[in-house]
């Protein structure tokens, strides 16, 4: 079976989220112990930033605002 890979960042992130969801639903005892290597991908972080920036975001525990990140440098 030839599965076509998503070609843009939004589709790749959505595909990644869907695979995690299906894995968790398929096996209720499945635990995700090492997620850092999966979410610290450049495409995942870029998509997350795009979503936060688009919706205005909210200061987290570190009190860093969207404006602070833009000033510091988005890259």
PDB file of N, CA and C in Angstrom:
ATOM      1  N   UNK A   1       0.841  -1.173   0.000  1.00  0.00           N
ATOM      2  CA  UNK A   1       0.000   0.000   0.000  1.00  0.00           C
ATOM      3  C   UNK A   1       0.891   1.243   0.000  1.00  0.00           C
ATOM      4  N   UNK A   2       0.651   2.167  -0.886  1.00  0.00           N
ATOM      5  CA  UNK A   2       1.419   3.394  -0.994  1.00  0.00           C
ATOM      6  C   UNK A   2       0.663   4.527  -0.304  1.00  0.00           C
ATOM      7  N   UNK A   3       1.200   4.985   0.833  1.00  0.00           N
ATOM      8  CA  UNK A   3       0.557   6.050   1.590  1.00  0.00           C
ATOM      9  C   UNK A   3       1.235   7.362   1.230  1.00  0.00           C
ATOM     10  N   UNK A   4       0.427   8.329   0.801  1.00  0.00           N
ATOM     11  CA  UNK A   4       0.974   9.624   0.417  1.00  0.00           C
ATOM     12  C   UNK A   4       1.232  10.469   1.654  1.00  0.00           C
ATOM     13  N   UNK A   5       2.446  11.032   1.735  1.00  0.00           N
ATOM     14  CA  UNK A   5       2.806  11.861   2.878  1.00  0.00           C
ATOM     15  C   UNK A   5       2.271  13.275   2.672  1.00  0.00           C
ATOM     16  N   UNK A   6       1.830  13.912   3.754  1.00  0.00           N
ATOM     17  CA  UNK A   6       1.369  15.299   3.649  1.00  0.00           C
ATOM     18  C   UNK A   6       2.503  16.188   3.158  1.00  0.00           C
ATOM     19  N   UNK A   7       2.159  17.219   2.373  1.00  0.00           N
ATOM     20  CA  UNK A   7       3.218  18.019   1.776  1.00  0.00           C
ATOM     21  C   UNK A   7       3.391  19.409   2.379  1.00  0.00           C
ATOM     22  N   UNK A   8       2.486  19.860   3.232  1.00  0.00           N
ATOM     23  CA  UNK A   8       2.748  21.148   3.865  1.00  0.00           C
ATOM     24  C   UNK A   8       2.781  20.978   5.383  1.00  0.00           C
ATOM     25  N   UNK A   9       3.315  21.988   6.045  1.00  0.00           N
ATOM     26  CA  UNK A   9       3.532  21.895   7.495  1.00  0.00           C
ATOM     27  C   UNK A   9       2.248  21.628   8.251  1.00  0.00           C
ATOM     28  N   UNK A  10       1.194  22.351   7.931  1.00  0.00           N
ATOM     29  CA  UNK A  10      -0.081  22.154   8.633  1.00  0.00           C
ATOM     30  C   UNK A  10      -0.562  20.711   8.491  1.00  0.00           C
ATOM     31  N   UNK A  11      -0.487  20.172   7.293  1.00  0.00           N
ATOM     32  CA  UNK A  11      -0.926  18.783   7.066  1.00  0.00           C
ATOM     33  C   UNK A  11      -0.027  17.792   7.803  1.00  0.00           C
ATOM     34  N   UNK A  12       1.293  18.044   7.829  1.00  0.00           N
ATOM     35  CA  UNK A  12       2.213  17.140   8.531  1.00  0.00           C
ATOM     36  C   UNK A  12       1.941  17.136  10.028  1.00  0.00           C
ATOM     37  N   UNK A  13       1.690  18.316  10.581  1.00  0.00           N
ATOM     38  CA  UNK A  13       1.400  18.398  12.019  1.00  0.00           C
ATOM     39  C   UNK A  13       0.075  17.718  12.322  1.00  0.00           C
ATOM     40  N   UNK A  14      -0.940  17.961  11.507  1.00  0.00           N
ATOM     41  CA  UNK A  14      -2.240  17.322  11.707  1.00  0.00           C
ATOM     42  C   UNK A  14      -2.105  15.806  11.603  1.00  0.00           C
ATOM     43  N   UNK A  15      -1.322  15.330  10.647  1.00  0.00           N
ATOM     44  CA  UNK A  15      -1.078  13.894  10.496  1.00  0.00           C
ATOM     45  C   UNK A  15      -0.389  13.334  11.739  1.00  0.00           C
ATOM     46  N   UNK A  16       0.605  14.056  12.256  1.00  0.00           N
ATOM     47  CA  UNK A  16       1.312  13.641  13.464  1.00  0.00           C
ATOM     48  C   UNK A  16       0.354  13.558  14.655  1.00  0.00           C
ATOM     49  N   UNK A  17      -0.479  14.591  14.824  1.00  0.00           N
ATOM     50  CA  UNK A  17      -1.461  14.603  15.916  1.00  0.00           C
ATOM     51  C   UNK A  17      -2.422  13.423  15.777  1.00  0.00           C
ATOM     52  N   UNK A  18      -2.868  13.165  14.573  1.00  0.00           N
ATOM     53  CA  UNK A  18      -3.811  12.075  14.321  1.00  0.00           C
ATOM     54  C   UNK A  18      -3.181  10.717  14.645  1.00  0.00           C
ATOM     55  N   UNK A  19      -1.913  10.531  14.245  1.00  0.00           N
ATOM     56  CA  UNK A  19      -1.244   9.260  14.538  1.00  0.00           C
ATOM     57  C   UNK A  19      -1.086   9.051  16.040  1.00  0.00           C
ATOM     58  N   UNK A  20      -0.738  10.117  16.775  1.00  0.00           N
ATOM     59  CA  UNK A  20      -0.636  10.004  18.240  1.00  0.00           C
ATOM     60  C   UNK A  20      -1.987   9.656  18.852  1.00  0.00           C
ATOM     61  N   UNK A  21      -3.024  10.344  18.387  1.00  0.00           N
ATOM     62  CA  UNK A  21      -4.385  10.099  18.886  1.00  0.00           C
ATOM     63  C   UNK A  21      -4.798   8.645  18.647  1.00  0.00           C
ATOM     64  N   UNK A  22      -4.614   8.171  17.410  1.00  0.00           N
ATOM     65  CA  UNK A  22      -5.019   6.803  17.075  1.00  0.00           C
ATOM     66  C   UNK A  22      -4.219   5.775  17.871  1.00  0.00           C
ATOM     67  N   UNK A  23      -2.931   6.037  18.069  1.00  0.00           N
ATOM     68  CA  UNK A  23      -2.107   5.125  18.855  1.00  0.00           C
ATOM     69  C   UNK A  23      -2.612   5.052  20.287  1.00  0.00           C
ATOM     70  N   UNK A  24      -2.932   6.198  20.865  1.00  0.00           N
ATOM     71  CA  UNK A  24      -3.436   6.232  22.248  1.00  0.00           C
ATOM     72  C   UNK A  24      -4.793   5.554  22.356  1.00  0.00           C
ATOM     73  N   UNK A  25      -5.666   5.749  21.377  1.00  0.00           N
ATOM     74  CA  UNK A  25      -7.006   5.154  21.419  1.00  0.00           C
ATOM     75  C   UNK A  25      -6.975   3.649  21.166  1.00  0.00           C
ATOM     76  N   UNK A  26      -6.048   3.210  20.330  1.00  0.00           N
ATOM     77  CA  UNK A  26      -5.944   1.791  19.998  1.00  0.00           C
ATOM     78  C   UNK A  26      -5.469   0.975  21.191  1.00  0.00           C
ATOM     79  N   UNK A  27      -4.565   1.537  21.953  1.00  0.00           N
ATOM     80  CA  UNK A  27      -3.989   0.832  23.087  1.00  0.00           C
ATOM     81  C   UNK A  27      -4.084   1.723  24.323  1.00  0.00           C
ATOM     82  N   UNK A  28      -5.079   1.483  25.157  1.00  0.00           N
ATOM     83  CA  UNK A  28      -5.330   2.316  26.338  1.00  0.00           C
ATOM     84  C   UNK A  28      -4.172   2.295  27.338  1.00  0.00           C
ATOM     85  N   UNK A  29      -3.343   1.253  27.292  1.00  0.00           N
ATOM     86  CA  UNK A  29      -2.223   1.152  28.220  1.00  0.00           C
ATOM     87  C   UNK A  29      -0.954   1.796  27.670  1.00  0.00           C
ATOM     88  N   UNK A  30      -0.993   2.249  26.434  1.00  0.00           N
ATOM     89  CA  UNK A  30       0.175   2.869  25.787  1.00  0.00           C
ATOM     90  C   UNK A  30       0.510   4.170  26.488  1.00  0.00           C
ATOM     91  N   UNK A  31       1.779   4.325  26.851  1.00  0.00           N
ATOM     92  CA  UNK A  31       2.251   5.555  27.486  1.00  0.00           C
ATOM     93  C   UNK A  31       3.298   6.193  26.581  1.00  0.00           C
ATOM     94  N   UNK A  32       3.275   7.489  26.519  1.00  0.00           N
ATOM     95  CA  UNK A  32       4.232   8.227  25.710  1.00  0.00           C
ATOM     96  C   UNK A  32       5.252   8.869  26.649  1.00  0.00           C
ATOM     97  N   UNK A  33       6.342   8.172  26.875  1.00  0.00           N
ATOM     98  CA  UNK A  33       7.339   8.627  27.846  1.00  0.00           C
ATOM     99  C   UNK A  33       8.315   9.645  27.272  1.00  0.00           C
ATOM    100  N   UNK A  34       8.683   9.494  26.048  1.00  0.00           N
ATOM    101  CA  UNK A  34       9.701  10.359  25.447  1.00  0.00           C
ATOM    102  C   UNK A  34       9.106  11.126  24.272  1.00  0.00           C
ATOM    103  N   UNK A  35       8.422  12.207  24.582  1.00  0.00           N
ATOM    104  CA  UNK A  35       7.780  13.001  23.532  1.00  0.00           C
ATOM    105  C   UNK A  35       8.652  14.156  23.050  1.00  0.00           C
ATOM    106  N   UNK A  36       9.661  14.508  23.828  1.00  0.00           N
ATOM    107  CA  UNK A  36      10.476  15.672  23.506  1.00  0.00           C
ATOM    108  C   UNK A  36      11.021  15.601  22.080  1.00  0.00           C
ATOM    109  N   UNK A  37      11.557  14.449  21.704  1.00  0.00           N
ATOM    110  CA  UNK A  37      12.130  14.308  20.366  1.00  0.00           C
ATOM    111  C   UNK A  37      11.072  14.421  19.270  1.00  0.00           C
ATOM    112  N   UNK A  38       9.823  14.210  19.602  1.00  0.00           N
ATOM    113  CA  UNK A  38       8.751  14.270  18.608  1.00  0.00           C
ATOM    114  C   UNK A  38       8.170  15.674  18.470  1.00  0.00           C
ATOM    115  N   UNK A  39       8.113  16.411  19.564  1.00  0.00           N
ATOM    116  CA  UNK A  39       7.529  17.755  19.476  1.00  0.00           C
ATOM    117  C   UNK A  39       8.576  18.830  19.246  1.00  0.00           C
ATOM    118  N   UNK A  40       9.834  18.501  19.413  1.00  0.00           N
ATOM    119  CA  UNK A  40      10.890  19.478  19.220  1.00  0.00           C
ATOM    120  C   UNK A  40      11.398  19.463  17.778  1.00  0.00           C
ATOM    121  N   UNK A  41      10.525  19.096  16.876  1.00  0.00           N
ATOM    122  CA  UNK A  41      10.843  19.144  15.452  1.00  0.00           C
ATOM    123  C   UNK A  41      10.542  20.550  14.952  1.00  0.00           C
ATOM    124  N   UNK A  42      11.352  21.015  14.037  1.00  0.00           N
ATOM    125  CA  UNK A  42      11.202  22.374  13.511  1.00  0.00           C
ATOM    126  C   UNK A  42       9.809  22.600  12.935  1.00  0.00           C
ATOM    127  N   UNK A  43       9.280  21.639  12.174  1.00  0.00           N
ATOM    128  CA  UNK A  43       7.956  21.829  11.570  1.00  0.00           C
ATOM    129  C   UNK A  43       6.857  21.905  12.627  1.00  0.00           C
ATOM    130  N   UNK A  44       6.975  21.118  13.681  1.00  0.00           N
ATOM    131  CA  UNK A  44       5.986  21.134  14.763  1.00  0.00           C
ATOM    132  C   UNK A  44       6.026  22.472  15.493  1.00  0.00           C
ATOM    133  N   UNK A  45       7.236  22.938  15.821  1.00  0.00           N
ATOM    134  CA  UNK A  45       7.374  24.207  16.534  1.00  0.00           C
ATOM    135  C   UNK A  45       6.917  25.391  15.685  1.00  0.00           C
ATOM    136  N   UNK A  46       7.212  25.363  14.384  1.00  0.00           N
ATOM    137  CA  UNK A  46       6.773  26.449  13.499  1.00  0.00           C
ATOM    138  C   UNK A  46       5.254  26.510  13.415  1.00  0.00           C
ATOM    139  N   UNK A  47       4.627  25.361  13.311  1.00  0.00           N
ATOM    140  CA  UNK A  47       3.161  25.326  13.237  1.00  0.00           C
ATOM    141  C   UNK A  47       2.553  25.784  14.566  1.00  0.00           C
ATOM    142  N   UNK A  48       3.134  25.364  15.673  1.00  0.00           N
ATOM    143  CA  UNK A  48       2.631  25.793  16.983  1.00  0.00           C
ATOM    144  C   UNK A  48       2.742  27.308  17.125  1.00  0.00           C
ATOM    145  N   UNK A  49       3.885  27.869  16.734  1.00  0.00           N
ATOM    146  CA  UNK A  49       4.070  29.321  16.820  1.00  0.00           C
ATOM    147  C   UNK A  49       3.066  30.052  15.936  1.00  0.00           C
ATOM    148  N   UNK A  50       2.871  29.532  14.722  1.00  0.00           N
ATOM    149  CA  UNK A  50       1.915  30.160  13.810  1.00  0.00           C
ATOM    150  C   UNK A  50       0.520  30.197  14.431  1.00  0.00           C
ATOM    151  N   UNK A  51       0.127  29.111  15.080  1.00  0.00           N
ATOM    152  CA  UNK A  51      -1.202  29.051  15.704  1.00  0.00           C
ATOM    153  C   UNK A  51      -1.303  29.998  16.895  1.00  0.00           C
ATOM    154  N   UNK A  52      -0.288  30.034  17.726  1.00  0.00           N
ATOM    155  CA  UNK A  52      -0.289  30.922  18.890  1.00  0.00           C
ATOM    156  C   UNK A  52      -0.339  32.378  18.439  1.00  0.00           C
ATOM    157  N   UNK A  53       0.491  32.707  17.463  1.00  0.00           N
ATOM    158  CA  UNK A  53       0.553  34.081  16.965  1.00  0.00           C
ATOM    159  C   UNK A  53      -0.773  34.498  16.339  1.00  0.00           C
ATOM    160  N   UNK A  54      -1.400  33.599  15.587  1.00  0.00           N
ATOM    161  CA  UNK A  54      -2.674  33.889  14.930  1.00  0.00           C
ATOM    162  C   UNK A  54      -3.790  34.137  15.934  1.00  0.00           C
ATOM    163  N   UNK A  55      -3.833  33.348  16.999  1.00  0.00           N
ATOM    164  CA  UNK A  55      -4.939  33.504  17.958  1.00  0.00           C
ATOM    165  C   UNK A  55      -4.613  34.468  19.100  1.00  0.00           C
ATOM    166  N   UNK A  56      -3.476  35.147  18.996  1.00  0.00           N
ATOM    167  CA  UNK A  56      -3.129  36.142  20.007  1.00  0.00           C
ATOM    168  C   UNK A  56      -2.425  35.575  21.218  1.00  0.00           C
ATOM    169  N   UNK A  57      -2.436  34.268  21.337  1.00  0.00           N
ATOM    170  CA  UNK A  57      -1.731  33.601  22.418  1.00  0.00           C
ATOM    171  C   UNK A  57      -2.072  34.135  23.795  1.00  0.00           C
ATOM    172  N   UNK A  58      -1.473  33.559  24.774  1.00  0.00           N
ATOM    173  CA  UNK A  58      -1.638  34.001  26.157  1.00  0.00           C
ATOM    174  C   UNK A  58      -0.342  33.704  26.883  1.00  0.00           C
ATOM    175  N   UNK A  59       0.026  34.605  27.776  1.00  0.00           N
ATOM    176  CA  UNK A  59       1.245  34.392  28.551  1.00  0.00           C
ATOM    177  C   UNK A  59       1.140  33.111  29.355  1.00  0.00           C
ATOM    178  N   UNK A  60       2.136  32.316  29.273  1.00  0.00           N
ATOM    179  CA  UNK A  60       2.164  31.084  30.048  1.00  0.00           C
ATOM    180  C   UNK A  60       2.800  31.327  31.396  1.00  0.00           C
ATOM    181  N   UNK A  61       3.306  30.284  31.974  1.00  0.00           N
ATOM    182  CA  UNK A  61       3.918  30.366  33.298  1.00  0.00           C
ATOM    183  C   UNK A  61       5.127  31.295  33.294  1.00  0.00           C
ATOM    184  N   UNK A  62       5.760  31.452  32.110  1.00  0.00           N
ATOM    185  CA  UNK A  62       6.940  32.305  32.011  1.00  0.00           C
ATOM    186  C   UNK A  62       6.599  33.778  31.739  1.00  0.00           C
ATOM    187  N   UNK A  63       5.309  34.086  31.557  1.00  0.00           N
ATOM    188  CA  UNK A  63       4.841  35.454  31.293  1.00  0.00           C
ATOM    189  C   UNK A  63       5.459  36.075  30.046  1.00  0.00           C
ATOM    190  N   UNK A  64       5.835  35.255  29.073  1.00  0.00           N
ATOM    191  CA  UNK A  64       6.369  35.747  27.808  1.00  0.00           C
ATOM    192  C   UNK A  64       5.199  35.927  26.846  1.00  0.00           C
ATOM    193  N   UNK A  65       5.045  37.139  26.338  1.00  0.00           N
ATOM    194  CA  UNK A  65       3.937  37.434  25.435  1.00  0.00           C
ATOM    195  C   UNK A  65       4.358  37.195  23.980  1.00  0.00           C
ATOM    196  N   UNK A  66       3.378  37.192  23.093  1.00  0.00           N
ATOM    197  CA  UNK A  66       3.658  37.070  21.665  1.00  0.00           C
ATOM    198  C   UNK A  66       4.569  38.212  21.236  1.00  0.00           C
ATOM    199  N   UNK A  67       4.292  39.428  21.715  1.00  0.00           N
ATOM    200  CA  UNK A  67       5.133  40.597  21.382  1.00  0.00           C
ATOM    201  C   UNK A  67       6.573  40.395  21.853  1.00  0.00           C
ATOM    202  N   UNK A  68       6.748  39.779  23.024  1.00  0.00           N
ATOM    203  CA  UNK A  68       8.096  39.509  23.534  1.00  0.00           C
ATOM    204  C   UNK A  68       8.853  38.572  22.603  1.00  0.00           C
ATOM    205  N   UNK A  69       8.183  37.552  22.130  1.00  0.00           N
ATOM    206  CA  UNK A  69       8.823  36.586  21.232  1.00  0.00           C
ATOM    207  C   UNK A  69       9.175  37.265  19.915  1.00  0.00           C
ATOM    208  N   UNK A  70       8.276  38.072  19.389  1.00  0.00           N
ATOM    209  CA  UNK A  70       8.555  38.776  18.140  1.00  0.00           C
ATOM    210  C   UNK A  70       9.755  39.700  18.312  1.00  0.00           C
ATOM    211  N   UNK A  71       9.792  40.411  19.439  1.00  0.00           N
ATOM    212  CA  UNK A  71      10.914  41.321  19.712  1.00  0.00           C
ATOM    213  C   UNK A  71      12.230  40.556  19.844  1.00  0.00           C
ATOM    214  N   UNK A  72      12.188  39.429  20.539  1.00  0.00           N
ATOM    215  CA  UNK A  72      13.382  38.608  20.746  1.00  0.00           C
ATOM    216  C   UNK A  72      13.857  38.001  19.437  1.00  0.00           C
ATOM    217  N   UNK A  73      12.886  37.584  18.634  1.00  0.00           N
ATOM    218  CA  UNK A  73      13.177  36.945  17.349  1.00  0.00           C
ATOM    219  C   UNK A  73      12.407  35.652  17.209  1.00  0.00           C
ATOM    220  N   UNK A  74      11.583  35.586  16.197  1.00  0.00           N
ATOM    221  CA  UNK A  74      10.729  34.406  16.011  1.00  0.00           C
ATOM    222  C   UNK A  74      11.505  33.164  15.614  1.00  0.00           C
ATOM    223  N   UNK A  75      12.592  33.324  14.926  1.00  0.00           N
ATOM    224  CA  UNK A  75      13.368  32.175  14.467  1.00  0.00           C
ATOM    225  C   UNK A  75      13.951  31.462  15.670  1.00  0.00           C
TER     226      UNK A  75
END
